[in-house]
Amino acid sequence: MTYIFDGTFQGLLTAVFEWFERKPGKVVLKSTSIFQPEAFVESFTVNTNAEKADRVWAGLQNKLKKDWQRKYYCTYLSEIPEAYNHVFQFTIYIFQNQLGAESNYGNPHVIALAKYAKSVEREKHRMEAFIRFQKTGDGIFYANIDPDFNVLPLISSHFKNRYADQPWVIYDLKRKYGLHYNLTSVEEITISFSNGADKQNLAPVLMDEREALYTTLWKDYFKSANIVARKNTKLHLQHVPKRYWKYLTEKVPI
């Protein structure tokens, strides 16, 4: 049987609740975005229910330590179709076994969660390191991103703490939502783009008049601080893969 859920975290947890309530046997979990009906496979559409999801999450908090709760959530944020099913199967496995079952790396779902979570955490750290803001005309510091995984929920506190004295927006172009910090709190937002604001770099009409000067000064500083004789391209690419260069002011051509 195939369980179909809406792709949300609550929807996934609701699917677990429904499995234990119905006990249908072997099930594969798929999101509505990739599900294709099969002639000889029965399917069940999970209706997301906040109360059921909360009960499952509360149960997991009693079964898993904080580090594994984070691995669990990070795996969900990977948005990889196979990862959703691994999270689903992992949850059933955890509830059907004694405390500490997540330490059994002989279980394929345990291994899968550890692997996916590691990749998501790596992407999180890279976003925290490589995001560069541009100041807009209305005084907000803005950055576009399009990470491999949905890491916005993981980087929120980092940027709130690091840039607590300035309003900022980090917008995920791939997932079409962002975070806005208003000097008090962080909230999720969506933007209707115009005037080229959805490009990697803001259109000049939207930028603070001094932003171009700051960009030039930074490029000059980076160039002067660079030691050509110690250049190690291979090592540099290991630490800063090319796909992240679009975020770095010093890498973007004028």
Protein backbone atom coordinates (compact mmCIF):
# COMPACT_ATOMS: atom_id res chain seq x y z
CA MET A 1 0.00 0.00 0.00
CA THR A 2 1.05 3.60 -0.64
CA TYR A 3 0.34 6.39 1.82
CA ILE A 4 0.09 9.82 0.21
CA PHE A 5 0.75 12.95 2.27
CA ASP A 6 0.88 16.66 1.47
CA GLY A 7 4.62 17.10 1.98
CA THR A 8 4.33 18.95 5.29
CA PHE A 9 6.01 17.88 8.53
CA GLN A 10 2.63 17.60 10.22
CA GLY A 11 1.37 15.54 7.30
CA LEU A 12 4.24 13.09 7.69
CA LEU A 13 3.59 12.71 11.41
CA THR A 14 -0.12 12.26 10.74
CA ALA A 15 0.74 9.43 8.33
CA VAL A 16 2.53 7.65 11.18
CA PHE A 17 -0.52 8.06 13.42
CA GLU A 18 -2.78 6.65 10.70
CA TRP A 19 -0.48 3.65 10.21
CA PHE A 20 -0.62 2.68 13.87
CA GLU A 21 -4.37 3.20 13.96
CA ARG A 22 -5.05 1.16 10.82
CA LYS A 23 -2.16 -1.35 10.93
CA PRO A 24 -2.23 -1.88 7.14
CA GLY A 25 1.05 -3.82 6.98
CA LYS A 26 3.86 -2.76 4.67
CA VAL A 27 3.43 0.81 3.46
CA VAL A 28 5.48 3.19 1.30
CA LEU A 29 5.07 6.92 1.99
CA LYS A 30 5.05 9.34 -0.94
CA SER A 31 4.26 13.03 -1.23
CA THR A 32 1.50 14.27 -3.50
CA SER A 33 4.10 16.02 -5.68
CA ILE A 34 5.58 12.72 -6.93
CA PHE A 35 2.76 10.21 -6.47
CA GLN A 36 1.66 8.33 -9.57
CA PRO A 37 -1.26 5.85 -9.27
CA GLU A 38 -0.37 2.21 -9.91
CA ALA A 39 -2.89 -0.31 -11.22
CA PHE A 40 -2.30 -3.01 -8.62
CA VAL A 41 -1.22 -0.95 -5.62
CA GLU A 42 -3.76 0.37 -3.15
CA SER A 43 -3.31 3.94 -1.95
CA PHE A 44 -4.53 5.97 1.01
CA THR A 45 -4.53 9.78 1.17
CA VAL A 46 -3.52 11.11 4.57
CA ASN A 47 -5.46 14.16 5.74
CA THR A 48 -3.09 16.28 7.82
CA ASN A 49 -4.32 16.63 11.39
CA ALA A 50 -2.45 18.87 13.84
CA GLU A 51 -3.66 17.00 16.93
CA LYS A 52 -2.56 13.62 15.60
CA ALA A 53 0.78 15.05 14.47
CA ASP A 54 1.40 16.60 17.89
CA ARG A 55 0.74 13.26 19.59
CA VAL A 56 3.27 11.50 17.38
CA TRP A 57 5.88 14.22 17.88
CA ALA A 58 5.39 14.16 21.65
CA GLY A 59 5.92 10.40 21.55
CA LEU A 60 9.12 10.81 19.55
CA GLN A 61 10.43 13.36 22.01
CA ASN A 62 10.06 10.73 24.72
CA LYS A 63 11.85 8.11 22.62
CA LEU A 64 14.65 10.15 21.04
CA LYS A 65 17.37 12.39 22.44
CA LYS A 66 17.74 15.95 21.18
CA ASP A 67 20.44 15.09 18.65
CA TRP A 68 18.25 12.48 16.98
CA GLN A 69 15.22 14.74 17.04
CA ARG A 70 17.32 17.18 15.03
CA LYS A 71 18.50 14.45 12.63
CA TYR A 72 14.86 13.50 12.16
CA TYR A 73 13.83 17.06 11.31
CA CYS A 74 16.87 17.68 9.11
CA THR A 75 16.08 14.57 7.10
CA TYR A 76 12.58 15.87 6.50
CA LEU A 77 14.04 19.22 5.38
CA SER A 78 16.14 17.45 2.74
CA GLU A 79 12.94 17.22 0.66
CA ILE A 80 14.27 14.07 -0.99
CA PRO A 81 11.36 11.73 -1.84
CA GLU A 82 13.17 8.65 -0.56
CA ALA A 83 14.02 10.49 2.66
CA TYR A 84 10.33 10.99 3.48
CA ASN A 85 9.77 7.25 3.36
CA HIS A 86 12.87 6.60 5.47
CA VAL A 87 11.59 9.03 8.12
CA PHE A 88 8.21 7.30 8.07
CA GLN A 89 9.73 3.82 8.43
CA PHE A 90 12.21 5.07 11.06
CA THR A 91 9.35 6.43 13.17
CA ILE A 92 7.51 3.11 13.11
CA TYR A 93 10.76 1.31 13.98
CA ILE A 94 11.42 3.62 16.95
CA PHE A 95 7.93 3.19 18.39
CA GLN A 96 8.05 -0.59 18.01
CA ASN A 97 11.37 -0.97 19.85
CA GLN A 98 12.95 -0.14 23.18
CA LEU A 99 14.74 3.11 24.00
CA GLY A 100 18.06 3.45 22.18
CA ALA A 101 16.89 1.75 18.98
CA GLU A 102 18.29 4.70 16.98
CA SER A 103 21.77 3.47 17.88
CA ASN A 104 21.30 0.37 15.74
CA TYR A 105 23.18 1.31 12.58
CA GLY A 106 22.35 -2.10 11.18
CA ASN A 107 18.90 -0.69 10.46
CA PRO A 108 18.76 0.87 6.98
CA HIS A 109 16.47 3.69 8.10
CA VAL A 110 18.80 4.68 10.93
CA ILE A 111 21.71 4.86 8.50
CA ALA A 112 19.61 6.82 5.99
CA LEU A 113 18.59 9.48 8.53
CA ALA A 114 22.17 9.93 9.70
CA LYS A 115 23.31 10.34 6.08
CA TYR A 116 20.59 12.78 5.01
CA ALA A 117 20.90 14.83 8.19
CA LYS A 118 24.65 15.21 7.67
CA SER A 119 24.11 16.56 4.16
CA VAL A 120 21.49 19.04 5.35
CA GLU A 121 23.68 20.22 8.23
CA ARG A 122 26.56 20.76 5.78
CA GLU A 123 24.31 22.90 3.58
CA LYS A 124 23.17 24.86 6.64
CA HIS A 125 26.75 25.68 7.62
CA ARG A 126 27.60 26.73 4.08
CA MET A 127 24.61 29.06 3.89
CA GLU A 128 25.63 30.63 7.20
CA ALA A 129 29.15 31.16 5.87
CA PHE A 130 28.45 32.25 2.31
CA ILE A 131 25.32 34.40 2.43
CA ARG A 132 26.07 38.03 1.55
CA PHE A 133 23.53 40.81 2.06
CA GLN A 134 22.82 43.79 -0.16
CA LYS A 135 21.35 46.92 1.38
CA THR A 136 18.16 48.13 -0.25
CA GLY A 137 17.01 51.70 -0.60
CA ASP A 138 14.64 51.33 2.34
CA GLY A 139 17.39 50.15 4.68
CA ILE A 140 16.70 46.40 4.68
CA PHE A 141 19.58 43.99 4.12
CA TYR A 142 18.50 41.44 1.51
CA ALA A 143 19.90 38.10 0.30
CA ASN A 144 18.66 35.59 -2.24
CA ILE A 145 19.49 31.91 -1.86
CA ASP A 146 18.56 28.67 -3.63
CA PRO A 147 20.06 25.91 -1.45
CA ASP A 148 19.88 22.21 -2.25
CA PHE A 149 17.81 21.63 0.88
CA ASN A 150 15.23 23.63 2.82
CA VAL A 151 17.61 25.09 5.40
CA LEU A 152 15.83 28.35 6.21
CA PRO A 153 14.31 26.92 9.42
CA LEU A 154 17.82 25.92 10.55
CA ILE A 155 19.63 29.22 9.89
CA SER A 156 17.06 31.58 11.39
CA SER A 157 18.54 31.81 14.89
CA HIS A 158 22.12 32.19 13.57
CA PHE A 159 21.30 35.32 11.56
CA LYS A 160 18.97 36.72 14.21
CA ASN A 161 21.81 36.56 16.75
CA ARG A 162 24.57 37.69 14.42
CA TYR A 163 22.69 40.59 12.83
CA ALA A 164 20.47 41.59 15.73
CA ASP A 165 20.87 45.33 15.08
CA GLN A 166 19.72 45.45 11.46
CA PRO A 167 16.56 44.40 9.61
CA TRP A 168 17.13 41.69 7.03
CA VAL A 169 15.42 39.35 4.59
CA ILE A 170 16.76 36.01 3.40
CA TYR A 171 14.66 34.69 0.53
CA ASP A 172 14.72 31.16 -0.89
CA LEU A 173 14.02 31.53 -4.60
CA LYS A 174 13.62 27.80 -5.13
CA ARG A 175 10.95 27.37 -2.42
CA LYS A 176 9.40 30.81 -2.83
CA TYR A 177 9.43 31.88 0.80
CA GLY A 178 11.79 33.72 3.08
CA LEU A 179 12.63 34.99 6.55
CA HIS A 180 12.21 38.61 7.64
CA TYR A 181 13.83 39.96 10.80
CA ASN A 182 12.28 43.24 12.00
CA LEU A 183 14.69 43.91 14.91
CA THR A 184 12.34 42.05 17.23
CA SER A 185 11.37 38.70 15.75
CA VAL A 186 11.77 36.53 12.66
CA GLU A 187 8.76 35.67 10.54
CA GLU A 188 8.15 33.75 7.33
CA ILE A 189 7.22 35.84 4.30
CA THR A 190 6.47 35.52 0.60
CA ILE A 191 7.32 38.21 -1.92
CA SER A 192 5.72 39.26 -5.19
CA PHE A 193 8.82 40.21 -7.14
CA SER A 194 9.13 43.10 -9.55
CA ASN A 195 11.90 45.20 -11.10
CA GLY A 196 14.34 42.31 -11.20
CA ALA A 197 14.37 41.65 -7.45
CA ASP A 198 14.16 37.91 -8.02
CA LYS A 199 17.59 37.80 -9.66
CA GLN A 200 20.69 36.76 -7.74
CA ASN A 201 21.68 40.40 -7.39
CA LEU A 202 19.21 43.21 -6.74
CA ALA A 203 18.43 45.56 -9.58
CA PRO A 204 20.29 48.88 -9.15
CA VAL A 205 16.99 50.76 -8.72
CA LEU A 206 16.30 48.79 -5.52
CA MET A 207 19.75 49.13 -3.96
CA ASP A 208 21.04 51.68 -1.52
CA GLU A 209 23.04 54.30 -3.44
CA ARG A 210 26.21 53.37 -1.53
CA GLU A 211 25.91 49.62 -2.12
CA ALA A 212 27.92 49.71 -5.37
CA LEU A 213 30.71 51.55 -3.54
CA TYR A 214 30.77 48.99 -0.72
CA THR A 215 30.94 46.19 -3.29
CA THR A 216 33.90 47.80 -5.04
CA LEU A 217 35.70 48.41 -1.74
CA TRP A 218 35.22 44.78 -0.69
CA LYS A 219 36.51 43.47 -4.01
CA ASP A 220 39.56 45.74 -3.75
CA TYR A 221 40.24 44.55 -0.19
CA PHE A 222 39.88 40.91 -1.17
CA LYS A 223 42.23 41.39 -4.13
CA SER A 224 44.87 43.16 -2.05
CA ALA A 225 44.69 40.57 0.77
CA ASN A 226 45.02 37.65 -1.61
CA ILE A 227 48.50 36.11 -1.79
CA VAL A 228 48.96 34.84 -5.35
CA ALA A 229 52.03 32.74 -4.50
CA ARG A 230 50.00 30.71 -2.01
CA LYS A 231 47.11 30.04 -4.33
CA ASN A 232 45.78 26.46 -4.02
CA THR A 233 42.79 26.08 -6.32
CA LYS A 234 42.10 22.46 -5.41
CA LEU A 235 41.95 23.19 -1.68
CA HIS A 236 39.92 26.33 -2.29
CA LEU A 237 37.29 24.40 -4.23
CA GLN A 238 37.04 21.85 -1.42
CA HIS A 239 36.12 24.59 1.04
CA VAL A 240 34.17 26.82 -1.35
CA PRO A 241 32.59 24.76 -4.17
CA LYS A 242 31.84 26.69 -7.35
CA ARG A 243 28.08 26.44 -6.92
CA TYR A 244 28.38 28.79 -3.91
CA TRP A 245 30.41 31.45 -5.69
CA LYS A 246 27.25 33.26 -6.81
CA TYR A 247 26.70 34.25 -3.16
CA LEU A 248 30.16 35.76 -2.67
CA THR A 249 30.72 39.41 -3.51
CA GLU A 250 34.38 38.82 -4.29
CA LYS A 251 33.49 36.13 -6.86
CA VAL A 252 30.76 38.00 -8.74
CA PRO A 253 32.12 39.96 -11.73
CA ILE A 254 31.46 43.66 -11.76
